[in-house]
Amino acid sequence: MLIKVRRDTLIILLLAFMLILCGRVLTYVAYASTIEQEEGIPITGIQIKGNDVIPLETIKSNIASSGLREGSYIDGDMLHTSKRTLPLSEAIDDAKKYAKDSVIPGTTAMPIVAVDIKVDNSTGIVTVTVVEDFNKVNLGGIFTTPSAFLYV
C-alpha cells in the first residue's frame, strides 16, 4: 500500500518543515546569544502582621510608595525600582514613615504607633509588623480618652 502524494504537495510540506526548523534554530540562537543580566533578588511580596482595624491594602499601598513593591529588586544594599535607585536602609525608613501615616478608611485617625520592617535578602519577602494603639489616637476631639467609650 503506497500513499500517493503529488509532487507539489510534497514540496509544500518540505518547505513548511524547513520553515519550522529554521524558526526553532533562530529562536535558540537568539536566546543563547543574549547577555544575561543579574538583577539581584526581586521583591516577591509584602506580609503584614499586627493590624486589626486598618485594611491590609491601605498599608501595602503606603509601603509600596517607598519602593518596596513587586517589580523592584535588591542588589546588595541598594533597592532598584522602575523609577530610581536608592539605598535599602533609606527605603525601609521611608516605608516605616509611610506605614505610620496609614489611616482608618473614612476617618483621619492614625492608630499605628510603631512599625518594624524586615527584608529577607534571600527570598525578597518584606515582613511588616505594626503596632496599633488606640489610647493615643486623636479622633477630632469627640472621644479623647478610652474611658469616654464607656459612657456613650
C-alpha atoms as a PDB file:
ATOM      1  CA  MET A   1       0.000   0.000   0.000  1.00  0.00           C
ATOM      2  CA  LEU A   2       1.582   3.130  -1.156  1.00  0.00           C
ATOM      3  CA  ILE A   3       0.168   6.532  -0.403  1.00  0.00           C
ATOM      4  CA  LYS A   4       0.133   8.668  -3.449  1.00  0.00           C
ATOM      5  CA  VAL A   5       1.319  12.219  -2.844  1.00  0.00           C
ATOM      6  CA  ARG A   6       1.523  14.743  -5.567  1.00  0.00           C
ATOM      7  CA  ARG A   7       4.826  16.438  -6.173  1.00  0.00           C
ATOM      8  CA  ASP A   8       3.581  19.970  -5.373  1.00  0.00           C
ATOM      9  CA  THR A   9       2.081  18.765  -2.055  1.00  0.00           C
ATOM     10  CA  LEU A  10       5.403  17.165  -1.135  1.00  0.00           C
ATOM     11  CA  ILE A  11       7.284  20.373  -1.933  1.00  0.00           C
ATOM     12  CA  ILE A  12       4.882  22.438   0.218  1.00  0.00           C
ATOM     13  CA  LEU A  13       5.278  20.018   3.139  1.00  0.00           C
ATOM     14  CA  LEU A  14       9.082  20.113   2.856  1.00  0.00           C
ATOM     15  CA  LEU A  15       9.070  23.931   2.772  1.00  0.00           C
ATOM     16  CA  ALA A  16       6.822  24.079   5.838  1.00  0.00           C
ATOM     17  CA  PHE A  17       9.122  21.683   7.678  1.00  0.00           C
ATOM     18  CA  MET A  18      12.190  23.772   6.780  1.00  0.00           C
ATOM     19  CA  LEU A  19      10.480  26.999   7.909  1.00  0.00           C
ATOM     20  CA  ILE A  20       9.541  25.472  11.248  1.00  0.00           C
ATOM     21  CA  LEU A  21      13.046  24.083  11.705  1.00  0.00           C
ATOM     22  CA  CYS A  22      14.665  27.441  10.816  1.00  0.00           C
ATOM     23  CA  GLY A  23      12.344  29.266  13.242  1.00  0.00           C
ATOM     24  CA  ARG A  24      13.318  26.929  16.061  1.00  0.00           C
ATOM     25  CA  VAL A  25      17.019  27.334  15.297  1.00  0.00           C
ATOM     26  CA  LEU A  26      16.728  31.146  15.161  1.00  0.00           C
ATOM     27  CA  THR A  27      14.844  31.196  18.469  1.00  0.00           C
ATOM     28  CA  TYR A  28      17.531  29.091  20.109  1.00  0.00           C
ATOM     29  CA  VAL A  29      20.379  31.185  18.686  1.00  0.00           C
ATOM     30  CA  ALA A  30      18.692  34.420  19.818  1.00  0.00           C
ATOM     31  CA  TYR A  31      18.197  33.021  23.323  1.00  0.00           C
ATOM     32  CA  ALA A  32      21.741  31.662  23.544  1.00  0.00           C
ATOM     33  CA  SER A  33      23.343  34.909  22.356  1.00  0.00           C
ATOM     34  CA  THR A  34      21.584  37.219  24.835  1.00  0.00           C
ATOM     35  CA  ILE A  35      23.682  38.524  27.676  1.00  0.00           C
ATOM     36  CA  GLU A  36      22.140  37.522  30.965  1.00  0.00           C
ATOM     37  CA  GLN A  37      21.949  40.420  33.373  1.00  0.00           C
ATOM     38  CA  GLU A  38      21.940  39.605  37.032  1.00  0.00           C
ATOM     39  CA  GLU A  39      19.353  41.907  38.566  1.00  0.00           C
ATOM     40  CA  GLY A  40      19.537  40.720  42.142  1.00  0.00           C
ATOM     41  CA  ILE A  41      16.700  39.490  44.352  1.00  0.00           C
ATOM     42  CA  PRO A  42      13.212  40.635  43.273  1.00  0.00           C
ATOM     43  CA  ILE A  43      10.694  41.793  45.883  1.00  0.00           C
ATOM     44  CA  THR A  44       8.191  38.927  45.872  1.00  0.00           C
ATOM     45  CA  GLY A  45       5.609  40.108  48.375  1.00  0.00           C
ATOM     46  CA  ILE A  46       4.685  42.021  51.492  1.00  0.00           C
ATOM     47  CA  GLN A  47       3.441  40.305  54.650  1.00  0.00           C
ATOM     48  CA  ILE A  48       1.734  42.468  57.265  1.00  0.00           C
ATOM     49  CA  LYS A  49       1.305  41.401  60.881  1.00  0.00           C
ATOM     50  CA  GLY A  50      -0.362  43.059  63.848  1.00  0.00           C
ATOM     51  CA  ASN A  51      -3.060  45.136  62.191  1.00  0.00           C
ATOM     52  CA  ASP A  52      -6.618  44.955  63.495  1.00  0.00           C
ATOM     53  CA  VAL A  53      -8.546  47.854  62.032  1.00  0.00           C
ATOM     54  CA  ILE A  54      -6.566  49.275  59.123  1.00  0.00           C
ATOM     55  CA  PRO A  55      -7.034  47.187  55.949  1.00  0.00           C
ATOM     56  CA  LEU A  56      -4.041  45.348  54.520  1.00  0.00           C
ATOM     57  CA  GLU A  57      -4.361  47.089  51.157  1.00  0.00           C
ATOM     58  CA  THR A  58      -4.055  50.530  52.763  1.00  0.00           C
ATOM     59  CA  ILE A  59      -0.809  49.609  54.489  1.00  0.00           C
ATOM     60  CA  LYS A  60       0.541  47.802  51.403  1.00  0.00           C
ATOM     61  CA  SER A  61      -0.134  50.760  49.128  1.00  0.00           C
ATOM     62  CA  ASN A  62       1.570  53.142  51.543  1.00  0.00           C
ATOM     63  CA  ILE A  63       4.610  50.882  51.802  1.00  0.00           C
ATOM     64  CA  ALA A  64       4.687  50.443  48.023  1.00  0.00           C
ATOM     65  CA  SER A  65       5.120  54.188  47.606  1.00  0.00           C
ATOM     66  CA  SER A  66       8.515  53.885  49.321  1.00  0.00           C
ATOM     67  CA  GLY A  67       9.771  51.495  46.632  1.00  0.00           C
ATOM     68  CA  LEU A  68       9.251  48.192  48.454  1.00  0.00           C
ATOM     69  CA  ARG A  69       6.847  46.690  45.914  1.00  0.00           C
ATOM     70  CA  GLU A  70       6.699  43.902  43.390  1.00  0.00           C
ATOM     71  CA  GLY A  71       8.777  44.763  40.351  1.00  0.00           C
ATOM     72  CA  SER A  72      11.616  46.220  42.429  1.00  0.00           C
ATOM     73  CA  TYR A  73      14.729  44.235  43.193  1.00  0.00           C
ATOM     74  CA  ILE A  74      17.509  44.243  45.761  1.00  0.00           C
ATOM     75  CA  ASP A  75      21.111  44.296  44.585  1.00  0.00           C
ATOM     76  CA  GLY A  76      23.377  44.163  47.615  1.00  0.00           C
ATOM     77  CA  ASP A  77      22.354  47.065  49.827  1.00  0.00           C
ATOM     78  CA  MET A  78      20.646  49.007  47.019  1.00  0.00           C
ATOM     79  CA  LEU A  79      16.978  48.921  46.019  1.00  0.00           C
ATOM     80  CA  HIS A  80      16.274  49.308  42.312  1.00  0.00           C
ATOM     81  CA  THR A  81      12.776  50.409  41.322  1.00  0.00           C
ATOM     82  CA  SER A  82      11.386  51.275  37.904  1.00  0.00           C
ATOM     83  CA  LYS A  83      11.992  54.979  38.553  1.00  0.00           C
ATOM     84  CA  ARG A  84      15.026  55.271  40.820  1.00  0.00           C
ATOM     85  CA  THR A  85      17.792  53.561  42.735  1.00  0.00           C
ATOM     86  CA  LEU A  86      18.173  54.184  46.450  1.00  0.00           C
ATOM     87  CA  PRO A  87      19.811  52.577  49.481  1.00  0.00           C
ATOM     88  CA  LEU A  88      17.756  49.806  51.052  1.00  0.00           C
ATOM     89  CA  SER A  89      18.005  51.384  54.513  1.00  0.00           C
ATOM     90  CA  GLU A  90      16.521  54.637  53.169  1.00  0.00           C
ATOM     91  CA  ALA A  91      13.639  52.732  51.566  1.00  0.00           C
ATOM     92  CA  ILE A  92      12.962  50.931  54.857  1.00  0.00           C
ATOM     93  CA  ASP A  93      12.962  54.222  56.798  1.00  0.00           C
ATOM     94  CA  ASP A  94      10.575  55.757  54.248  1.00  0.00           C
ATOM     95  CA  ALA A  95       8.327  52.679  54.446  1.00  0.00           C
ATOM     96  CA  LYS A  96       8.144  52.990  58.242  1.00  0.00           C
ATOM     97  CA  LYS A  97       7.152  56.631  57.947  1.00  0.00           C
ATOM     98  CA  TYR A  98       4.525  55.901  55.269  1.00  0.00           C
ATOM     99  CA  ALA A  99       3.086  52.958  57.230  1.00  0.00           C
ATOM    100  CA  LYS A 100       2.608  55.191  60.294  1.00  0.00           C
ATOM    101  CA  ASP A 101       0.618  57.589  58.099  1.00  0.00           C
ATOM    102  CA  SER A 102      -1.964  54.870  57.297  1.00  0.00           C
ATOM    103  CA  VAL A 103      -5.434  55.949  58.369  1.00  0.00           C
ATOM    104  CA  ILE A 104      -8.654  54.119  59.125  1.00  0.00           C
ATOM    105  CA  PRO A 105     -10.781  54.442  55.957  1.00  0.00           C
ATOM    106  CA  GLY A 106     -13.273  57.274  56.225  1.00  0.00           C
ATOM    107  CA  THR A 107     -11.509  58.938  59.153  1.00  0.00           C
ATOM    108  CA  THR A 108      -8.322  60.821  59.909  1.00  0.00           C
ATOM    109  CA  ALA A 109      -7.353  58.507  62.780  1.00  0.00           C
ATOM    110  CA  MET A 110      -3.810  57.109  62.544  1.00  0.00           C
ATOM    111  CA  PRO A 111      -3.582  54.333  65.164  1.00  0.00           C
ATOM    112  CA  ILE A 112      -0.210  52.879  64.091  1.00  0.00           C
ATOM    113  CA  VAL A 113       2.429  53.998  66.593  1.00  0.00           C
ATOM    114  CA  ALA A 114       5.289  51.610  65.793  1.00  0.00           C
ATOM    115  CA  VAL A 115       6.436  49.766  62.690  1.00  0.00           C
ATOM    116  CA  ASP A 116       9.133  47.138  62.242  1.00  0.00           C
ATOM    117  CA  ILE A 117      10.162  46.194  58.699  1.00  0.00           C
ATOM    118  CA  LYS A 118      12.414  43.283  57.819  1.00  0.00           C
ATOM    119  CA  VAL A 119      13.534  42.468  54.278  1.00  0.00           C
ATOM    120  CA  ASP A 120      14.745  38.939  53.581  1.00  0.00           C
ATOM    121  CA  ASN A 121      17.637  39.337  51.134  1.00  0.00           C
ATOM    122  CA  SER A 122      17.477  35.702  50.023  1.00  0.00           C
ATOM    123  CA  THR A 123      13.762  35.437  49.173  1.00  0.00           C
ATOM    124  CA  GLY A 124      12.706  39.065  48.691  1.00  0.00           C
ATOM    125  CA  ILE A 125       9.834  38.883  51.179  1.00  0.00           C
ATOM    126  CA  VAL A 126       9.132  42.087  53.117  1.00  0.00           C
ATOM    127  CA  THR A 127       7.684  41.472  56.598  1.00  0.00           C
ATOM    128  CA  VAL A 128       5.950  44.435  58.218  1.00  0.00           C
ATOM    129  CA  THR A 129       4.920  44.298  61.871  1.00  0.00           C
ATOM    130  CA  VAL A 130       2.681  47.150  63.016  1.00  0.00           C
ATOM    131  CA  VAL A 131       1.513  48.128  66.484  1.00  0.00           C
ATOM    132  CA  GLU A 132      -1.857  49.850  66.741  1.00  0.00           C
ATOM    133  CA  ASP A 133      -2.533  51.855  69.902  1.00  0.00           C
ATOM    134  CA  PHE A 134      -5.923  53.497  70.254  1.00  0.00           C
ATOM    135  CA  ASN A 135      -5.034  55.285  73.506  1.00  0.00           C
ATOM    136  CA  LYS A 136      -3.109  57.931  71.612  1.00  0.00           C
ATOM    137  CA  VAL A 137      -5.447  58.307  68.635  1.00  0.00           C
ATOM    138  CA  ASN A 138      -6.895  61.755  68.118  1.00  0.00           C
ATOM    139  CA  LEU A 139     -10.429  61.308  66.828  1.00  0.00           C
ATOM    140  CA  GLY A 140     -11.075  65.000  66.289  1.00  0.00           C
ATOM    141  CA  GLY A 141     -11.972  65.863  69.880  1.00  0.00           C
ATOM    142  CA  ILE A 142     -15.053  63.624  70.072  1.00  0.00           C
ATOM    143  CA  PHE A 143     -13.528  60.867  72.200  1.00  0.00           C
ATOM    144  CA  THR A 144     -10.111  61.686  73.538  1.00  0.00           C
ATOM    145  CA  THR A 145      -9.870  59.210  76.396  1.00  0.00           C
ATOM    146  CA  PRO A 146     -10.503  55.488  76.372  1.00  0.00           C
ATOM    147  CA  SER A 147     -12.922  55.810  79.284  1.00  0.00           C
ATOM    148  CA  ALA A 148     -15.185  58.044  77.180  1.00  0.00           C
ATOM    149  CA  PHE A 149     -16.247  54.971  75.239  1.00  0.00           C
ATOM    150  CA  LEU A 150     -17.850  53.566  78.387  1.00  0.00           C
ATOM    151  CA  TYR A 151     -20.262  56.493  78.763  1.00  0.00           C
ATOM    152  CA  VAL A 152     -21.555  56.552  75.196  1.00  0.00           C
END
